[in-house]
Amino acid sequence: MVMVDRREKLLASKPAAQAAKDAFAEKYAAGRSDLAVGLGLNHTGDDWAVTVLVETPSAAKALPDHYGDYPVEVRITGQPRAH
């Protein structure tokens, strides 16, 4: 029953989380090619988080750790390489 409750909570809160992610992307990612913004589950899996992939640690430092009610989870990917 807990999984059903968690799923229903996530489904009900997804529109607000999506709106926060879109606003975050507009504010912090517009016109930048060194980061990508998405929406995912937080590290505990019970709520939404704004997920940001950045190329460098300096780009990560410029981002907040929360945006509205949502944590911002940043992953440093490094610069892309051609293979």
PDB file of N, CA and C in Angstrom:
ATOM      1  N   MET A   1       0.806  -1.185   0.000  1.00  0.00           N
ATOM      2  CA  MET A   1       0.000   0.000   0.000  1.00  0.00           C
ATOM      3  C   MET A   1       0.862   1.268   0.000  1.00  0.00           C
ATOM      4  N   VAL A   2       2.021   1.217   0.636  1.00  0.00           N
ATOM      5  CA  VAL A   2       2.906   2.376   0.681  1.00  0.00           C
ATOM      6  C   VAL A   2       3.353   2.771  -0.723  1.00  0.00           C
ATOM      7  N   MET A   3       3.681   1.794  -1.551  1.00  0.00           N
ATOM      8  CA  MET A   3       4.105   2.089  -2.928  1.00  0.00           C
ATOM      9  C   MET A   3       2.988   2.762  -3.708  1.00  0.00           C
ATOM     10  N   VAL A   4       1.750   2.340  -3.501  1.00  0.00           N
ATOM     11  CA  VAL A   4       0.609   2.948  -4.189  1.00  0.00           C
ATOM     12  C   VAL A   4       0.445   4.388  -3.747  1.00  0.00           C
ATOM     13  N   ASP A   5       0.553   4.646  -2.434  1.00  0.00           N
ATOM     14  CA  ASP A   5       0.444   6.008  -1.916  1.00  0.00           C
ATOM     15  C   ASP A   5       1.560   6.893  -2.466  1.00  0.00           C
ATOM     16  N   ARG A   6       2.772   6.378  -2.498  1.00  0.00           N
ATOM     17  CA  ARG A   6       3.913   7.143  -3.019  1.00  0.00           C
ATOM     18  C   ARG A   6       3.705   7.453  -4.499  1.00  0.00           C
ATOM     19  N   ARG A   7       3.254   6.470  -5.241  1.00  0.00           N
ATOM     20  CA  ARG A   7       3.025   6.672  -6.677  1.00  0.00           C
ATOM     21  C   ARG A   7       1.952   7.724  -6.911  1.00  0.00           C
ATOM     22  N   GLU A   8       0.856   7.649  -6.152  1.00  0.00           N
ATOM     23  CA  GLU A   8      -0.222   8.628  -6.299  1.00  0.00           C
ATOM     24  C   GLU A   8       0.259  10.031  -5.938  1.00  0.00           C
ATOM     25  N   LYS A   9       1.070  10.150  -4.893  1.00  0.00           N
ATOM     26  CA  LYS A   9       1.624  11.445  -4.499  1.00  0.00           C
ATOM     27  C   LYS A   9       2.506  12.005  -5.611  1.00  0.00           C
ATOM     28  N   LEU A  10       3.356  11.154  -6.171  1.00  0.00           N
ATOM     29  CA  LEU A  10       4.241  11.606  -7.243  1.00  0.00           C
ATOM     30  C   LEU A  10       3.451  12.025  -8.477  1.00  0.00           C
ATOM     31  N   LEU A  11       2.447  11.238  -8.847  1.00  0.00           N
ATOM     32  CA  LEU A  11       1.624  11.588 -10.006  1.00  0.00           C
ATOM     33  C   LEU A  11       0.886  12.905  -9.788  1.00  0.00           C
ATOM     34  N   ALA A  12       0.370  13.109  -8.593  1.00  0.00           N
ATOM     35  CA  ALA A  12      -0.374  14.333  -8.290  1.00  0.00           C
ATOM     36  C   ALA A  12       0.531  15.564  -8.273  1.00  0.00           C
ATOM     37  N   SER A  13       1.774  15.389  -7.865  1.00  0.00           N
ATOM     38  CA  SER A  13       2.675  16.532  -7.746  1.00  0.00           C
ATOM     39  C   SER A  13       3.526  16.776  -8.991  1.00  0.00           C
ATOM     40  N   LYS A  14       3.419  15.902  -9.988  1.00  0.00           N
ATOM     41  CA  LYS A  14       4.272  16.036 -11.164  1.00  0.00           C
ATOM     42  C   LYS A  14       4.057  17.337 -11.938  1.00  0.00           C
ATOM     43  N   PRO A  15       2.824  17.825 -12.153  1.00  0.00           N
ATOM     44  CA  PRO A  15       2.675  19.084 -12.889  1.00  0.00           C
ATOM     45  C   PRO A  15       3.408  20.260 -12.225  1.00  0.00           C
ATOM     46  N   ALA A  16       3.348  20.360 -10.912  1.00  0.00           N
ATOM     47  CA  ALA A  16       4.051  21.440 -10.217  1.00  0.00           C
ATOM     48  C   ALA A  16       5.564  21.261 -10.325  1.00  0.00           C
ATOM     49  N   ALA A  17       6.024  20.027 -10.208  1.00  0.00           N
ATOM     50  CA  ALA A  17       7.454  19.753 -10.333  1.00  0.00           C
ATOM     51  C   ALA A  17       7.942  20.063 -11.746  1.00  0.00           C
ATOM     52  N   GLN A  18       7.157  19.718 -12.744  1.00  0.00           N
ATOM     53  CA  GLN A  18       7.513  20.007 -14.139  1.00  0.00           C
ATOM     54  C   GLN A  18       7.590  21.513 -14.370  1.00  0.00           C
ATOM     55  N   ALA A  19       6.649  22.255 -13.797  1.00  0.00           N
ATOM     56  CA  ALA A  19       6.655  23.713 -13.935  1.00  0.00           C
ATOM     57  C   ALA A  19       7.904  24.308 -13.275  1.00  0.00           C
ATOM     58  N   ALA A  20       8.291  23.780 -12.115  1.00  0.00           N
ATOM     59  CA  ALA A  20       9.503  24.252 -11.442  1.00  0.00           C
ATOM     60  C   ALA A  20      10.740  23.935 -12.277  1.00  0.00           C
ATOM     61  N   LYS A  21      10.777  22.746 -12.845  1.00  0.00           N
ATOM     62  CA  LYS A  21      11.917  22.371 -13.703  1.00  0.00           C
ATOM     63  C   LYS A  21      12.008  23.290 -14.908  1.00  0.00           C
ATOM     64  N   ASP A  22      10.872  23.582 -15.538  1.00  0.00           N
ATOM     65  CA  ASP A  22      10.861  24.472 -16.706  1.00  0.00           C
ATOM     66  C   ASP A  22      11.315  25.882 -16.340  1.00  0.00           C
ATOM     67  N   ALA A  23      10.857  26.382 -15.189  1.00  0.00           N
ATOM     68  CA  ALA A  23      11.273  27.717 -14.737  1.00  0.00           C
ATOM     69  C   ALA A  23      12.765  27.739 -14.412  1.00  0.00           C
ATOM     70  N   PHE A  24      13.259  26.671 -13.785  1.00  0.00           N
ATOM     71  CA  PHE A  24      14.685  26.565 -13.490  1.00  0.00           C
ATOM     72  C   PHE A  24      15.501  26.593 -14.783  1.00  0.00           C
ATOM     73  N   ALA A  25      15.066  25.803 -15.752  1.00  0.00           N
ATOM     74  CA  ALA A  25      15.782  25.748 -17.037  1.00  0.00           C
ATOM     75  C   ALA A  25      15.804  27.106 -17.706  1.00  0.00           C
ATOM     76  N   GLU A  26      14.697  27.821 -17.664  1.00  0.00           N
ATOM     77  CA  GLU A  26      14.633  29.156 -18.267  1.00  0.00           C
ATOM     78  C   GLU A  26      15.590  30.123 -17.575  1.00  0.00           C
ATOM     79  N   LYS A  27      15.667  30.039 -16.266  1.00  0.00           N
ATOM     80  CA  LYS A  27      16.506  30.965 -15.503  1.00  0.00           C
ATOM     81  C   LYS A  27      17.996  30.627 -15.586  1.00  0.00           C
ATOM     82  N   TYR A  28      18.333  29.351 -15.493  1.00  0.00           N
ATOM     83  CA  TYR A  28      19.737  28.960 -15.371  1.00  0.00           C
ATOM     84  C   TYR A  28      20.354  28.320 -16.615  1.00  0.00           C
ATOM     85  N   ALA A  29      19.550  27.776 -17.523  1.00  0.00           N
ATOM     86  CA  ALA A  29      20.120  27.018 -18.632  1.00  0.00           C
ATOM     87  C   ALA A  29      19.901  27.648 -19.999  1.00  0.00           C
ATOM     88  N   ALA A  30      19.047  28.652 -20.092  1.00  0.00           N
ATOM     89  CA  ALA A  30      18.747  29.251 -21.398  1.00  0.00           C
ATOM     90  C   ALA A  30      20.026  29.756 -22.058  1.00  0.00           C
ATOM     91  N   GLY A  31      20.259  29.310 -23.270  1.00  0.00           N
ATOM     92  CA  GLY A  31      21.418  29.748 -24.044  1.00  0.00           C
ATOM     93  C   GLY A  31      22.733  29.104 -23.652  1.00  0.00           C
ATOM     94  N   ARG A  32      22.705  28.137 -22.772  1.00  0.00           N
ATOM     95  CA  ARG A  32      23.947  27.480 -22.343  1.00  0.00           C
ATOM     96  C   ARG A  32      24.016  26.073 -22.929  1.00  0.00           C
ATOM     97  N   SER A  33      25.174  25.732 -23.429  1.00  0.00           N
ATOM     98  CA  SER A  33      25.350  24.387 -23.982  1.00  0.00           C
ATOM     99  C   SER A  33      26.123  23.471 -23.035  1.00  0.00           C
ATOM    100  N   ASP A  34      26.536  24.006 -21.881  1.00  0.00           N
ATOM    101  CA  ASP A  34      27.345  23.209 -20.955  1.00  0.00           C
ATOM    102  C   ASP A  34      26.536  22.558 -19.839  1.00  0.00           C
ATOM    103  N   LEU A  35      25.191  22.665 -19.922  1.00  0.00           N
ATOM    104  CA  LEU A  35      24.378  21.981 -18.928  1.00  0.00           C
ATOM    105  C   LEU A  35      23.034  21.578 -19.502  1.00  0.00           C
ATOM    106  N   ALA A  36      22.458  20.550 -18.902  1.00  0.00           N
ATOM    107  CA  ALA A  36      21.144  20.048 -19.303  1.00  0.00           C
ATOM    108  C   ALA A  36      20.305  19.886 -18.040  1.00  0.00           C
ATOM    109  N   VAL A  37      19.017  20.198 -18.148  1.00  0.00           N
ATOM    110  CA  VAL A  37      18.121  20.165 -16.991  1.00  0.00           C
ATOM    111  C   VAL A  37      17.025  19.139 -17.234  1.00  0.00           C
ATOM    112  N   GLY A  38      16.751  18.345 -16.221  1.00  0.00           N
ATOM    113  CA  GLY A  38      15.689  17.354 -16.305  1.00  0.00           C
ATOM    114  C   GLY A  38      14.958  17.249 -14.979  1.00  0.00           C
ATOM    115  N   LEU A  39      13.975  16.391 -14.944  1.00  0.00           N
ATOM    116  CA  LEU A  39      13.197  16.143 -13.743  1.00  0.00           C
ATOM    117  C   LEU A  39      13.338  14.673 -13.387  1.00  0.00           C
ATOM    118  N   GLY A  40      13.664  14.404 -12.147  1.00  0.00           N
ATOM    119  CA  GLY A  40      13.802  13.019 -11.710  1.00  0.00           C
ATOM    120  C   GLY A  40      13.408  12.893 -10.262  1.00  0.00           C
ATOM    121  N   LEU A  41      13.558  11.721  -9.723  1.00  0.00           N
ATOM    122  CA  LEU A  41      13.277  11.505  -8.313  1.00  0.00           C
ATOM    123  C   LEU A  41      14.492  11.900  -7.483  1.00  0.00           C
ATOM    124  N   ASN A  42      14.233  12.372  -6.278  1.00  0.00           N
ATOM    125  CA  ASN A  42      15.341  12.716  -5.393  1.00  0.00           C
ATOM    126  C   ASN A  42      16.081  11.447  -4.969  1.00  0.00           C
ATOM    127  N   HIS A  43      17.138  11.624  -4.201  1.00  0.00           N
ATOM    128  CA  HIS A  43      17.978  10.465  -3.847  1.00  0.00           C
ATOM    129  C   HIS A  43      17.265   9.424  -2.997  1.00  0.00           C
ATOM    130  N   THR A  44      16.184   9.794  -2.315  1.00  0.00           N
ATOM    131  CA  THR A  44      15.437   8.810  -1.537  1.00  0.00           C
ATOM    132  C   THR A  44      14.287   8.201  -2.333  1.00  0.00           C
ATOM    133  N   GLY A  45      13.967   8.786  -3.482  1.00  0.00           N
ATOM    134  CA  GLY A  45      12.931   8.236  -4.342  1.00  0.00           C
ATOM    135  C   GLY A  45      11.513   8.551  -3.934  1.00  0.00           C
ATOM    136  N   ASP A  46      11.342   9.499  -3.019  1.00  0.00           N
ATOM    137  CA  ASP A  46       9.988   9.782  -2.548  1.00  0.00           C
ATOM    138  C   ASP A  46       9.443  11.150  -2.961  1.00  0.00           C
ATOM    139  N   ASP A  47      10.221  11.917  -3.702  1.00  0.00           N
ATOM    140  CA  ASP A  47       9.756  13.216  -4.182  1.00  0.00           C
ATOM    141  C   ASP A  47      10.569  13.598  -5.414  1.00  0.00           C
ATOM    142  N   TRP A  48      10.130  14.652  -6.067  1.00  0.00           N
ATOM    143  CA  TRP A  48      10.784  15.116  -7.286  1.00  0.00           C
ATOM    144  C   TRP A  48      12.020  15.945  -6.971  1.00  0.00           C
ATOM    145  N   ALA A  49      12.948  15.973  -7.920  1.00  0.00           N
ATOM    146  CA  ALA A  49      14.135  16.812  -7.839  1.00  0.00           C
ATOM    147  C   ALA A  49      14.436  17.335  -9.241  1.00  0.00           C
ATOM    148  N   VAL A  50      14.959  18.549  -9.292  1.00  0.00           N
ATOM    149  CA  VAL A  50      15.471  19.085 -10.549  1.00  0.00           C
ATOM    150  C   VAL A  50      16.863  18.486 -10.716  1.00  0.00           C
ATOM    151  N   THR A  51      17.083  17.790 -11.793  1.00  0.00           N
ATOM    152  CA  THR A  51      18.365  17.142 -12.058  1.00  0.00           C
ATOM    153  C   THR A  51      19.111  17.938 -13.124  1.00  0.00           C
ATOM    154  N   VAL A  52      20.356  18.265 -12.830  1.00  0.00           N
ATOM    155  CA  VAL A  52      21.150  19.067 -13.756  1.00  0.00           C
ATOM    156  C   VAL A  52      22.447  18.335 -14.067  1.00  0.00           C
ATOM    157  N   LEU A  53      22.739  18.178 -15.337  1.00  0.00           N
ATOM    158  CA  LEU A  53      24.013  17.613 -15.787  1.00  0.00           C
ATOM    159  C   LEU A  53      24.868  18.775 -16.266  1.00  0.00           C
ATOM    160  N   VAL A  54      26.056  18.908 -15.685  1.00  0.00           N
ATOM    161  CA  VAL A  54      26.967  19.993 -16.054  1.00  0.00           C
ATOM    162  C   VAL A  54      28.304  19.413 -16.489  1.00  0.00           C
ATOM    163  N   GLU A  55      29.033  20.183 -17.276  1.00  0.00           N
ATOM    164  CA  GLU A  55      30.323  19.708 -17.764  1.00  0.00           C
ATOM    165  C   GLU A  55      31.465  19.956 -16.786  1.00  0.00           C
ATOM    166  N   THR A  56      31.387  21.018 -15.987  1.00  0.00           N
ATOM    167  CA  THR A  56      32.517  21.397 -15.145  1.00  0.00           C
ATOM    168  C   THR A  56      32.086  21.689 -13.703  1.00  0.00           C
ATOM    169  N   PRO A  57      33.007  21.533 -12.761  1.00  0.00           N
ATOM    170  CA  PRO A  57      32.701  21.897 -11.374  1.00  0.00           C
ATOM    171  C   PRO A  57      32.343  23.380 -11.223  1.00  0.00           C
ATOM    172  N   SER A  58      32.973  24.252 -12.002  1.00  0.00           N
ATOM    173  CA  SER A  58      32.655  25.683 -11.887  1.00  0.00           C
ATOM    174  C   SER A  58      31.219  25.968 -12.318  1.00  0.00           C
ATOM    175  N   ALA A  59      30.715  25.259 -13.303  1.00  0.00           N
ATOM    176  CA  ALA A  59      29.317  25.422 -13.704  1.00  0.00           C
ATOM    177  C   ALA A  59      28.394  24.931 -12.598  1.00  0.00           C
ATOM    178  N   ALA A  60      28.791  23.883 -11.896  1.00  0.00           N
ATOM    179  CA  ALA A  60      27.981  23.351 -10.805  1.00  0.00           C
ATOM    180  C   ALA A  60      27.905  24.332  -9.645  1.00  0.00           C
ATOM    181  N   LYS A  61      28.989  25.025  -9.354  1.00  0.00           N
ATOM    182  CA  LYS A  61      29.021  25.969  -8.236  1.00  0.00           C
ATOM    183  C   LYS A  61      28.066  27.140  -8.440  1.00  0.00           C
ATOM    184  N   ALA A  62      27.750  27.463  -9.679  1.00  0.00           N
ATOM    185  CA  ALA A  62      26.881  28.600  -9.970  1.00  0.00           C
ATOM    186  C   ALA A  62      25.401  28.283  -9.781  1.00  0.00           C
ATOM    187  N   LEU A  63      25.070  27.040  -9.455  1.00  0.00           N
ATOM    188  CA  LEU A  63      23.676  26.623  -9.352  1.00  0.00           C
ATOM    189  C   LEU A  63      23.224  26.537  -7.893  1.00  0.00           C
ATOM    190  N   PRO A  64      21.950  26.832  -7.624  1.00  0.00           N
ATOM    191  CA  PRO A  64      21.443  26.708  -6.254  1.00  0.00           C
ATOM    192  C   PRO A  64      21.249  25.238  -5.876  1.00  0.00           C
ATOM    193  N   ASP A  65      21.163  24.968  -4.586  1.00  0.00           N
ATOM    194  CA  ASP A  65      20.927  23.586  -4.160  1.00  0.00           C
ATOM    195  C   ASP A  65      19.442  23.267  -4.050  1.00  0.00           C
ATOM    196  N   HIS A  66      18.596  24.292  -4.110  1.00  0.00           N
ATOM    197  CA  HIS A  66      17.135  24.123  -4.128  1.00  0.00           C
ATOM    198  C   HIS A  66      16.542  25.138  -5.094  1.00  0.00           C
ATOM    199  N   TYR A  67      15.415  24.795  -5.662  1.00  0.00           N
ATOM    200  CA  TYR A  67      14.669  25.727  -6.485  1.00  0.00           C
ATOM    201  C   TYR A  67      13.206  25.565  -6.108  1.00  0.00           C
ATOM    202  N   GLY A  68      12.659  26.572  -5.449  1.00  0.00           N
ATOM    203  CA  GLY A  68      11.306  26.438  -4.922  1.00  0.00           C
ATOM    204  C   GLY A  68      11.283  25.336  -3.884  1.00  0.00           C
ATOM    205  N   ASP A  69      10.363  24.414  -4.017  1.00  0.00           N
ATOM    206  CA  ASP A  69      10.231  23.315  -3.062  1.00  0.00           C
ATOM    207  C   ASP A  69      11.080  22.100  -3.414  1.00  0.00           C
ATOM    208  N   TYR A  70      11.874  22.191  -4.452  1.00  0.00           N
ATOM    209  CA  TYR A  70      12.557  21.006  -4.979  1.00  0.00           C
ATOM    210  C   TYR A  70      14.069  21.108  -4.833  1.00  0.00           C
ATOM    211  N   PRO A  71      14.709  20.003  -4.424  1.00  0.00           N
ATOM    212  CA  PRO A  71      16.162  19.998  -4.403  1.00  0.00           C
ATOM    213  C   PRO A  71      16.712  19.992  -5.823  1.00  0.00           C
ATOM    214  N   VAL A  72      17.888  20.563  -5.977  1.00  0.00           N
ATOM    215  CA  VAL A  72      18.587  20.538  -7.259  1.00  0.00           C
ATOM    216  C   VAL A  72      19.744  19.564  -7.094  1.00  0.00           C
ATOM    217  N   GLU A  73      19.708  18.493  -7.871  1.00  0.00           N
ATOM    218  CA  GLU A  73      20.757  17.487  -7.823  1.00  0.00           C
ATOM    219  C   GLU A  73      21.630  17.636  -9.059  1.00  0.00           C
ATOM    220  N   VAL A  74      22.889  17.954  -8.827  1.00  0.00           N
ATOM    221  CA  VAL A  74      23.829  18.259  -9.907  1.00  0.00           C
ATOM    222  C   VAL A  74      24.794  17.095 -10.085  1.00  0.00           C
ATOM    223  N   ARG A  75      25.002  16.723 -11.331  1.00  0.00           N
ATOM    224  CA  ARG A  75      25.986  15.687 -11.669  1.00  0.00           C
ATOM    225  C   ARG A  75      26.983  16.290 -12.654  1.00  0.00           C
ATOM    226  N   ILE A  76      28.251  16.174 -12.331  1.00  0.00           N
ATOM    227  CA  ILE A  76      29.301  16.683 -13.215  1.00  0.00           C
ATOM    228  C   ILE A  76      29.674  15.561 -14.186  1.00  0.00           C
ATOM    229  N   THR A  77      29.492  15.832 -15.469  1.00  0.00           N
ATOM    230  CA  THR A  77      29.699  14.811 -16.490  1.00  0.00           C
ATOM    231  C   THR A  77      31.045  14.907 -17.183  1.00  0.00           C
ATOM    232  N   GLY A  78      31.682  16.065 -17.115  1.00  0.00           N
ATOM    233  CA  GLY A  78      32.891  16.290 -17.888  1.00  0.00           C
ATOM    234  C   GLY A  78      32.520  16.727 -19.296  1.00  0.00           C
ATOM    235  N   GLN A  79      33.492  17.184 -20.023  1.00  0.00           N
ATOM    236  CA  GLN A  79      33.229  17.647 -21.379  1.00  0.00           C
ATOM    237  C   GLN A  79      33.085  16.466 -22.324  1.00  0.00           C
ATOM    238  N   PRO A  80      32.148  16.582 -23.274  1.00  0.00           N
ATOM    239  CA  PRO A  80      31.963  15.474 -24.222  1.00  0.00           C
ATOM    240  C   PRO A  80      33.200  15.282 -25.099  1.00  0.00           C
ATOM    241  N   ARG A  81      33.443  14.028 -25.455  1.00  0.00           N
ATOM    242  CA  ARG A  81      34.580  13.702 -26.333  1.00  0.00           C
ATOM    243  C   ARG A  81      34.089  12.942 -27.552  1.00  0.00           C
ATOM    244  N   ALA A  82      34.683  13.222 -28.675  1.00  0.00           N
ATOM    245  CA  ALA A  82      34.366  12.480 -29.888  1.00  0.00           C
ATOM    246  C   ALA A  82      35.135  11.152 -29.863  1.00  0.00           C
ATOM    247  N   HIS A  83      34.474  10.104 -30.284  1.00  0.00           N
ATOM    248  CA  HIS A  83      35.135   8.775 -30.302  1.00  0.00           C
ATOM    249  C   HIS A  83      35.371   8.358 -31.721  1.00  0.00           C
TER     250      HIS A  83
END
